[in-house]
Amino acid sequence: MYNNPELVSKILPDTIGKVKDWNKLANYTELQYRDVRKLMSLMKRIIECDRYLFGLFQTRKLAILGFDYKIDFPTEFQKSASEEKQLEEIRLRYQTAKMRKLGDTIINGRLFGMAAVRLFWTNKTAYGTIVTKKQDYDLTELDIDFDSDGLVFIDTNKNSETFTRKKFENPEGHIFIRYNPMSGIDQYYVGSIARVNMIYCLLKYWEFWNWSKNNEKFADPLIYALYKTGSDKTQVQPILEGLAKLGTDSYAAFSDNVKINLLEAMRNSSAEAHKALIDQINTEMAISVLGQQLTTEIGKVGSFAAAKVANFVRQDYLYADLLDSQDANDQYLIADYHLNYGEPRNAYPVFTYNLDEKEDYESNARIIAELKMAGVPVKRAEVYTKTGFTEPSLEDAVI
């Protein structure tokens, strides 16, 4: 893992110059100059520093947990009795090894452009050869492989900043996720959605500190004194000292020919400008991460239609996440089958999510009741399916 010395004592870089340099290093296509470590160390840091972006990323990660899944052989192949037994064992190993928790790593691969996890397998009598440990790679340890669609390992010398690009040893024992939103435009682009939002996070960070300094300067009312024209310096100096004392100690003495006035600071306009900028940045970030901005609220005009359209886009993002998750889990299933059974008879088992929309049983029941009252015939089997019940057999006790 690489520790960026520029971020050891700083939360984020305080100048755009450093960010430009890191981007330049990560954009090189000549391997002797290319270095993605500094940029990827910044990608990790922006998630820690921006709670709004953190929430958006968590939304992407948690969304896939609500879908049921199955592990089975492709439907076009007829399963034998021994293969049915193999599936039962594979499903048991998948659950016991808690492979579903790989979801975070898989979505990280989409949000940051690349992710890798090493699987450690152990032979256990009760289960066969099963995953007993998982090791995630740090973002600063990965880069895209120019010779394939995979990844390479970045080995950093602990005593210096030098590094070596290496092929992964035992790639079959790993799960790799690589995603490039700039595919077809820049095939060597790293950082994915996090990099797109990097400048937004930095703008919010810099704006916060500028706003804080502005408040320090202008939050208190300005104090000024009026004195007679033509007063000499010996008369003005005590007035200035008195104003300074008034600002620090809240009390001071002046002669009766000096008039003290307060000029109220223009705080509201500064606060409103700051809020407007942050709100606009958050909107742009929500669109880039979720495909929509209706994360917490919607406008009054056309809100329902806007929400429906936004949700369609959100579903497209979610569907793409699910497909990548299926591919990553298939990598695991291939390794599991090889280690426990060898080559398959027809095909390897596959991991699939149930992408069918969930039925609204209560709404369906009302519709069925209305159809019955109107005399519209409905299939008995469909009534049970649409209301969530199982059609009883002749042997079942019914009420």
Protein backbone atom coordinates (compact mmCIF):
# COMPACT_ATOMS: atom_id res chain seq x y z
CA MET A 1 0.00 0.00 0.00
CA TYR A 2 1.15 3.53 -0.79
CA ASN A 3 0.94 6.39 1.71
CA ASN A 4 0.84 9.73 -0.06
CA PRO A 5 3.28 12.02 1.83
CA GLU A 6 1.29 15.06 0.65
CA LEU A 7 -1.76 13.85 2.60
CA VAL A 8 -0.07 12.76 5.81
CA SER A 9 -0.65 16.07 7.60
CA LYS A 10 -3.49 17.40 5.42
CA ILE A 11 -7.08 16.30 5.00
CA LEU A 12 -7.08 17.27 1.32
CA PRO A 13 -4.64 19.19 -0.89
CA ASP A 14 -4.98 22.95 -0.41
CA THR A 15 -4.02 23.94 -3.96
CA ILE A 16 -5.20 22.88 -7.40
CA GLY A 17 -1.58 22.55 -8.54
CA LYS A 18 -1.06 19.26 -6.70
CA VAL A 19 -4.27 17.82 -8.10
CA LYS A 20 -3.24 18.76 -11.64
CA ASP A 21 0.12 17.03 -11.16
CA TRP A 22 -1.51 13.85 -9.85
CA ASN A 23 -3.98 13.82 -12.73
CA LYS A 24 -1.14 14.21 -15.20
CA LEU A 25 0.75 11.25 -13.71
CA ALA A 26 -2.37 9.07 -13.89
CA ASN A 27 -3.08 10.06 -17.50
CA TYR A 28 0.26 8.94 -18.94
CA THR A 29 0.03 6.04 -21.35
CA GLU A 30 3.80 5.53 -21.28
CA LEU A 31 4.36 3.08 -18.44
CA GLN A 32 7.70 4.62 -17.44
CA TYR A 33 5.89 7.83 -16.48
CA ARG A 34 2.48 6.55 -15.40
CA ASP A 35 1.74 6.62 -11.65
CA VAL A 36 -1.87 6.33 -10.44
CA ARG A 37 -1.06 6.00 -6.74
CA LYS A 38 -1.23 9.69 -5.77
CA LEU A 39 -4.55 10.18 -7.54
CA MET A 40 -6.06 7.02 -6.07
CA SER A 41 -4.94 8.03 -2.57
CA LEU A 42 -6.94 11.22 -3.12
CA MET A 43 -9.95 9.17 -4.27
CA LYS A 44 -9.94 7.37 -0.93
CA ARG A 45 -9.68 10.61 1.01
CA ILE A 46 -12.59 12.46 -0.65
CA ILE A 47 -15.03 9.78 0.54
CA GLU A 48 -13.82 10.24 4.10
CA CYS A 49 -14.15 14.02 3.91
CA ASP A 50 -17.44 14.47 2.08
CA ARG A 51 -20.34 12.92 3.99
CA TYR A 52 -22.79 13.70 1.19
CA LEU A 53 -20.75 11.77 -1.37
CA PHE A 54 -20.25 9.02 1.22
CA GLY A 55 -24.03 8.72 1.51
CA LEU A 56 -24.47 8.54 -2.26
CA PHE A 57 -21.85 5.78 -2.51
CA GLN A 58 -23.50 3.86 0.34
CA THR A 59 -26.82 4.08 -1.49
CA ARG A 60 -25.24 2.41 -4.52
CA LYS A 61 -23.70 -0.31 -2.32
CA LEU A 62 -26.79 -1.10 -0.25
CA ALA A 63 -29.19 -1.18 -3.20
CA ILE A 64 -28.09 -4.63 -4.40
CA LEU A 65 -28.75 -6.19 -0.98
CA GLY A 66 -32.50 -6.07 -1.53
CA PHE A 67 -32.45 -8.57 -4.40
CA ASP A 68 -32.84 -12.31 -4.09
CA TYR A 69 -30.36 -14.45 -5.97
CA LYS A 70 -29.93 -18.02 -7.08
CA ILE A 71 -27.02 -20.28 -8.02
CA ASP A 72 -27.86 -22.79 -10.71
CA PHE A 73 -26.65 -24.32 -13.94
CA PRO A 74 -27.77 -22.55 -17.13
CA THR A 75 -31.40 -23.39 -17.87
CA GLU A 76 -30.59 -24.86 -21.31
CA PHE A 77 -28.78 -27.81 -19.69
CA GLN A 78 -30.58 -30.72 -18.04
CA LYS A 79 -29.16 -31.30 -14.56
CA SER A 80 -28.26 -34.78 -13.40
CA ALA A 81 -28.83 -36.04 -9.87
CA SER A 82 -25.12 -35.64 -9.05
CA GLU A 83 -25.15 -32.06 -10.36
CA GLU A 84 -28.17 -31.26 -8.17
CA LYS A 85 -26.13 -32.47 -5.19
CA GLN A 86 -23.18 -30.34 -6.33
CA LEU A 87 -25.41 -27.26 -6.44
CA GLU A 88 -26.56 -27.87 -2.87
CA GLU A 89 -22.93 -28.08 -1.74
CA ILE A 90 -21.93 -24.97 -3.72
CA ARG A 91 -24.79 -22.94 -2.22
CA LEU A 92 -23.84 -24.10 1.27
CA ARG A 93 -20.20 -23.09 0.75
CA TYR A 94 -21.27 -19.70 -0.67
CA GLN A 95 -23.39 -18.97 2.42
CA THR A 96 -20.87 -20.36 4.91
CA ALA A 97 -18.02 -18.30 3.42
CA LYS A 98 -20.28 -15.21 3.52
CA MET A 99 -19.50 -14.43 -0.08
CA ARG A 100 -22.49 -12.07 -0.28
CA LYS A 101 -20.36 -9.55 1.63
CA LEU A 102 -18.27 -9.16 -1.51
CA GLY A 103 -20.98 -6.77 -2.66
CA ASP A 104 -19.14 -3.77 -1.18
CA THR A 105 -15.92 -4.63 -3.01
CA ILE A 106 -17.76 -5.23 -6.26
CA ILE A 107 -19.53 -1.85 -6.19
CA ASN A 108 -16.23 -0.21 -5.18
CA GLY A 109 -14.92 -1.52 -8.48
CA ARG A 110 -17.61 0.44 -10.30
CA LEU A 111 -17.34 3.59 -8.18
CA PHE A 112 -13.53 3.76 -8.23
CA GLY A 113 -12.92 2.00 -11.53
CA MET A 114 -11.13 -1.06 -10.17
CA ALA A 115 -11.15 -3.46 -7.24
CA ALA A 116 -9.61 -6.82 -6.43
CA VAL A 117 -9.97 -9.36 -3.66
CA ARG A 118 -7.83 -12.41 -2.99
CA LEU A 119 -9.62 -15.57 -1.86
CA PHE A 120 -7.91 -18.01 0.48
CA TRP A 121 -9.22 -21.56 0.10
CA THR A 122 -9.00 -24.32 2.72
CA ASN A 123 -10.06 -27.97 2.47
CA LYS A 124 -12.58 -28.84 5.17
CA THR A 125 -14.12 -32.27 5.53
CA ALA A 126 -17.65 -30.98 6.09
CA TYR A 127 -17.69 -28.59 3.12
CA GLY A 128 -14.94 -29.49 0.66
CA THR A 129 -12.58 -26.74 -0.47
CA ILE A 130 -14.05 -23.49 0.83
CA VAL A 131 -13.07 -19.81 1.14
CA THR A 132 -11.89 -19.14 4.70
CA LYS A 133 -10.41 -15.65 4.25
CA LYS A 134 -10.74 -12.67 1.90
CA GLN A 135 -8.15 -9.92 1.37
CA ASP A 136 -9.12 -6.69 -0.37
CA TYR A 137 -6.43 -4.75 -2.23
CA ASP A 138 -5.92 -1.07 -1.56
CA LEU A 139 -6.77 1.33 -4.39
CA THR A 140 -3.13 2.46 -4.48
CA GLU A 141 -2.09 -1.13 -5.23
CA LEU A 142 -4.03 -1.41 -8.49
CA ASP A 143 -3.84 -0.15 -12.05
CA ILE A 144 -5.33 -1.31 -15.34
CA ASP A 145 -3.42 -3.88 -17.36
CA PHE A 146 -2.51 -2.44 -20.75
CA ASP A 147 -2.20 -5.96 -22.21
CA SER A 148 -5.66 -7.21 -21.20
CA ASP A 149 -8.99 -6.18 -19.70
CA GLY A 150 -7.69 -7.03 -16.24
CA LEU A 151 -5.63 -5.35 -13.52
CA VAL A 152 -1.99 -5.31 -12.41
CA PHE A 153 -0.54 -5.09 -8.92
CA ILE A 154 1.42 -1.97 -7.91
CA ASP A 155 4.20 -2.98 -5.50
CA THR A 156 5.53 0.09 -3.65
CA ASN A 157 8.95 0.03 -1.99
CA LYS A 158 8.36 0.86 1.70
CA ASN A 159 11.66 2.73 1.96
CA SER A 160 11.04 4.95 -1.06
CA GLU A 161 8.30 6.04 -3.41
CA THR A 162 9.48 3.78 -6.22
CA PHE A 163 7.15 1.05 -7.42
CA THR A 164 6.92 -1.93 -9.74
CA ARG A 165 3.99 -3.06 -11.89
CA LYS A 166 3.45 -6.81 -11.57
CA LYS A 167 1.07 -9.42 -12.91
CA PHE A 168 -1.03 -11.03 -10.17
CA GLU A 169 0.22 -14.35 -8.94
CA ASN A 170 -2.49 -17.02 -9.08
CA PRO A 171 -5.11 -14.84 -10.82
CA GLU A 172 -7.60 -17.72 -10.57
CA GLY A 173 -7.59 -17.19 -6.81
CA HIS A 174 -8.75 -13.60 -7.19
CA ILE A 175 -11.87 -11.71 -8.14
CA PHE A 176 -11.24 -8.66 -10.33
CA ILE A 177 -13.64 -5.81 -11.06
CA ARG A 178 -12.80 -3.17 -13.61
CA TYR A 179 -15.11 -0.41 -14.84
CA ASN A 180 -14.35 2.51 -17.13
CA PRO A 181 -17.18 5.04 -17.67
CA MET A 182 -14.99 6.62 -20.36
CA SER A 183 -14.80 3.42 -22.40
CA GLY A 184 -14.53 4.26 -26.08
CA ILE A 185 -13.17 7.70 -25.22
CA ASP A 186 -10.19 7.02 -22.95
CA GLN A 187 -9.35 3.35 -22.51
CA TYR A 188 -6.69 4.09 -19.87
CA TYR A 189 -8.95 6.19 -17.60
CA VAL A 190 -8.85 5.30 -13.89
CA GLY A 191 -10.88 6.58 -10.95
CA SER A 192 -14.33 6.17 -12.51
CA ILE A 193 -17.23 7.99 -10.81
CA ALA A 194 -15.12 9.00 -7.80
CA ARG A 195 -12.73 10.87 -10.07
CA VAL A 196 -15.61 12.66 -11.80
CA ASN A 197 -16.73 13.92 -8.38
CA MET A 198 -13.22 14.75 -7.15
CA ILE A 199 -13.30 18.38 -8.22
CA TYR A 200 -16.76 18.84 -6.69
CA CYS A 201 -15.47 17.61 -3.32
CA LEU A 202 -12.44 19.90 -3.51
CA LEU A 203 -14.60 22.91 -4.41
CA LYS A 204 -16.82 22.24 -1.37
CA TYR A 205 -13.77 21.80 0.84
CA TRP A 206 -12.07 25.00 -0.32
CA GLU A 207 -15.34 26.94 -0.24
CA PHE A 208 -15.92 25.86 3.35
CA TRP A 209 -12.60 27.26 4.51
CA ASN A 210 -13.00 30.45 2.50
CA TRP A 211 -16.45 30.94 3.99
CA SER A 212 -15.09 30.30 7.50
CA LYS A 213 -12.38 32.91 7.01
CA ASN A 214 -14.95 35.32 5.66
CA ASN A 215 -17.05 34.82 8.79
CA GLU A 216 -14.05 35.47 11.00
CA LYS A 217 -13.49 38.75 9.23
CA PHE A 218 -17.04 40.00 8.78
CA ALA A 219 -19.20 38.18 11.34
CA ASP A 220 -18.81 40.90 13.98
CA PRO A 221 -20.15 44.39 13.26
CA LEU A 222 -17.60 46.97 12.16
CA ILE A 223 -16.83 49.73 14.69
CA TYR A 224 -15.83 53.16 13.56
CA ALA A 225 -15.39 56.57 15.20
CA LEU A 226 -16.15 60.09 14.00
CA TYR A 227 -13.85 62.91 15.09
CA LYS A 228 -13.50 66.54 14.08
CA THR A 229 -11.69 67.42 10.87
CA GLY A 230 -8.30 68.88 11.51
CA SER A 231 -7.52 66.84 14.62
CA ASP A 232 -3.81 66.18 14.96
CA LYS A 233 -2.23 62.72 15.27
CA THR A 234 -1.92 62.98 19.04
CA GLN A 235 -5.73 63.17 19.24
CA VAL A 236 -6.42 60.41 16.67
CA GLN A 237 -4.06 57.79 18.12
CA PRO A 238 -5.95 57.41 21.44
CA ILE A 239 -9.16 56.94 19.45
CA LEU A 240 -7.62 54.11 17.41
CA GLU A 241 -6.32 52.45 20.57
CA GLY A 242 -9.77 52.77 22.12
CA LEU A 243 -11.40 51.10 19.08
CA ALA A 244 -8.92 48.24 19.30
CA LYS A 245 -9.67 47.80 22.99
CA LEU A 246 -13.39 47.92 22.28
CA GLY A 247 -13.02 45.10 19.77
CA THR A 248 -11.06 42.86 22.15
CA ASP A 249 -12.35 43.77 25.61
CA SER A 250 -15.82 45.12 24.74
CA TYR A 251 -15.18 48.35 26.66
CA ALA A 252 -13.14 51.54 26.14
CA ALA A 253 -13.20 55.23 27.16
CA PHE A 254 -13.57 58.11 24.68
CA SER A 255 -13.93 61.87 25.06
CA ASP A 256 -17.36 63.41 24.53
CA ASN A 257 -16.40 64.86 21.14
CA VAL A 258 -15.89 61.36 19.62
CA LYS A 259 -18.91 59.54 18.14
CA ILE A 260 -18.79 55.73 18.02
CA ASN A 261 -20.89 53.91 15.38
CA LEU A 262 -21.56 50.22 14.57
CA LEU A 263 -21.87 49.03 10.96
CA GLU A 264 -23.77 45.71 10.87
CA ALA A 265 -21.98 43.01 8.83
CA MET A 266 -23.60 41.74 5.65
CA ARG A 267 -23.82 38.13 6.86
CA ASN A 268 -27.02 36.93 5.20
CA SER A 269 -25.86 37.38 1.62
CA SER A 270 -22.64 35.50 2.36
CA ALA A 271 -24.48 32.56 3.99
CA GLU A 272 -27.00 32.36 1.15
CA ALA A 273 -24.28 32.35 -1.50
CA HIS A 274 -22.41 29.60 0.36
CA LYS A 275 -25.56 27.46 0.71
CA ALA A 276 -26.51 27.94 -2.95
CA LEU A 277 -23.07 26.78 -4.11
CA ILE A 278 -23.09 23.69 -1.87
CA ASP A 279 -26.64 22.77 -2.93
CA GLN A 280 -25.73 23.04 -6.61
CA ILE A 281 -22.61 20.91 -6.16
CA ASN A 282 -24.59 18.27 -4.24
CA THR A 283 -27.15 18.15 -7.03
CA GLU A 284 -24.45 17.55 -9.64
CA MET A 285 -22.88 14.85 -7.49
CA ALA A 286 -26.20 13.04 -7.00
CA ILE A 287 -26.82 13.00 -10.75
CA SER A 288 -23.37 11.55 -11.48
CA VAL A 289 -23.57 8.84 -8.79
CA LEU A 290 -27.25 7.85 -8.83
CA GLY A 291 -28.41 9.17 -12.17
CA GLN A 292 -30.93 11.44 -10.45
CA GLN A 293 -31.07 14.22 -7.89
CA LEU A 294 -34.30 13.35 -6.07
CA THR A 295 -32.50 11.77 -3.14
CA THR A 296 -34.24 13.75 -0.39
CA GLU A 297 -36.75 16.16 -1.87
CA ILE A 298 -38.52 17.14 -5.06
CA GLY A 299 -40.07 20.30 -6.35
CA LYS A 300 -43.78 21.11 -6.11
CA VAL A 301 -44.37 21.45 -9.84
CA GLY A 302 -44.45 18.19 -11.79
CA SER A 303 -42.86 16.37 -8.87
CA PHE A 304 -44.53 13.00 -9.45
CA ALA A 305 -43.59 12.87 -13.13
CA ALA A 306 -40.06 14.02 -12.34
CA ALA A 307 -39.72 11.33 -9.68
CA LYS A 308 -40.88 8.61 -12.08
CA VAL A 309 -38.42 9.65 -14.79
CA ALA A 310 -35.58 9.93 -12.27
CA ASN A 311 -36.38 6.49 -10.90
CA PHE A 312 -36.17 4.96 -14.38
CA VAL A 313 -32.61 6.31 -14.69
CA ARG A 314 -31.79 5.12 -11.17
CA GLN A 315 -32.98 1.62 -12.12
CA ASP A 316 -30.64 1.63 -15.11
CA TYR A 317 -27.69 2.34 -12.80
CA LEU A 318 -28.84 -0.36 -10.39
CA TYR A 319 -29.29 -2.89 -13.21
CA ALA A 320 -25.72 -2.26 -14.40
CA ASP A 321 -24.43 -2.75 -10.82
CA LEU A 322 -26.30 -6.06 -10.59
CA LEU A 323 -24.83 -7.30 -13.87
CA ASP A 324 -21.29 -6.54 -12.69
CA SER A 325 -22.05 -8.22 -9.38
CA GLN A 326 -23.23 -11.32 -11.23
CA ASP A 327 -20.03 -11.41 -13.28
CA ALA A 328 -17.86 -11.12 -10.16
CA ASN A 329 -19.76 -13.89 -8.39
CA ASP A 330 -19.40 -16.07 -11.48
CA GLN A 331 -15.62 -15.72 -11.10
CA TYR A 332 -15.98 -17.21 -7.63
CA LEU A 333 -18.27 -20.02 -8.81
CA ILE A 334 -15.82 -21.07 -11.53
CA ALA A 335 -12.99 -21.29 -8.99
CA ASP A 336 -15.20 -23.17 -6.52
CA TYR A 337 -16.25 -25.73 -9.12
CA HIS A 338 -12.69 -26.26 -10.36
CA LEU A 339 -11.32 -26.86 -6.87
CA ASN A 340 -14.11 -29.21 -5.79
CA TYR A 341 -15.24 -31.03 -8.95
CA GLY A 342 -12.84 -30.29 -11.82
CA GLU A 343 -14.16 -29.54 -15.29
CA PRO A 344 -17.98 -29.32 -15.63
CA ARG A 345 -19.94 -31.72 -17.83
CA ASN A 346 -21.64 -28.92 -19.75
CA ALA A 347 -21.17 -25.52 -18.14
CA TYR A 348 -20.25 -23.88 -14.86
CA PRO A 349 -22.97 -22.81 -12.42
CA VAL A 350 -24.00 -19.17 -12.73
CA PHE A 351 -25.06 -16.51 -10.25
CA THR A 352 -28.22 -14.59 -11.15
CA TYR A 353 -30.34 -11.99 -9.37
CA ASN A 354 -34.11 -12.06 -9.47
CA LEU A 355 -34.73 -8.85 -11.39
CA ASP A 356 -38.50 -9.28 -11.59
CA GLU A 357 -40.32 -6.33 -10.08
CA LYS A 358 -41.86 -7.11 -6.68
CA GLU A 359 -45.63 -7.48 -6.74
CA ASP A 360 -47.84 -5.09 -4.79
CA TYR A 361 -50.08 -7.82 -3.36
CA GLU A 362 -52.47 -5.44 -1.61
CA SER A 363 -53.06 -3.43 -4.77
CA ASN A 364 -53.44 -6.62 -6.82
CA ALA A 365 -56.06 -7.94 -4.38
CA ARG A 366 -58.15 -4.78 -4.79
CA ILE A 367 -57.92 -5.00 -8.59
CA ILE A 368 -58.96 -8.67 -8.55
CA ALA A 369 -61.94 -7.85 -6.29
CA GLU A 370 -63.05 -5.11 -8.68
CA LEU A 371 -62.70 -7.43 -11.68
CA LYS A 372 -64.80 -10.06 -9.91
CA MET A 373 -67.53 -7.51 -9.13
CA ALA A 374 -67.51 -6.45 -12.78
CA GLY A 375 -67.86 -10.06 -13.88
CA VAL A 376 -64.48 -10.21 -15.63
CA PRO A 377 -63.11 -13.79 -15.61
CA VAL A 378 -59.61 -14.20 -14.13
CA LYS A 379 -57.46 -17.32 -14.07
CA ARG A 380 -57.40 -19.00 -10.67
CA ALA A 381 -53.62 -19.60 -10.81
CA GLU A 382 -52.96 -15.93 -11.59
CA VAL A 383 -55.08 -14.85 -8.62
CA TYR A 384 -52.86 -16.86 -6.26
CA THR A 385 -49.67 -15.57 -7.91
CA LYS A 386 -50.74 -11.92 -7.87
CA THR A 387 -51.78 -12.07 -4.20
CA GLY A 388 -48.70 -13.93 -2.97
CA PHE A 389 -50.45 -17.16 -1.98
CA THR A 390 -49.63 -20.71 -3.01
CA GLU A 391 -52.42 -22.58 -4.76
CA PRO A 392 -53.37 -25.50 -2.48
CA SER A 393 -53.29 -29.08 -3.65
CA LEU A 394 -56.04 -31.61 -2.96
CA GLU A 395 -54.19 -32.91 0.10
CA ASP A 396 -53.71 -29.47 1.71
CA ALA A 397 -55.94 -28.36 4.56
CA VAL A 398 -57.78 -25.19 3.58
CA ILE A 399 -60.03 -22.67 5.33
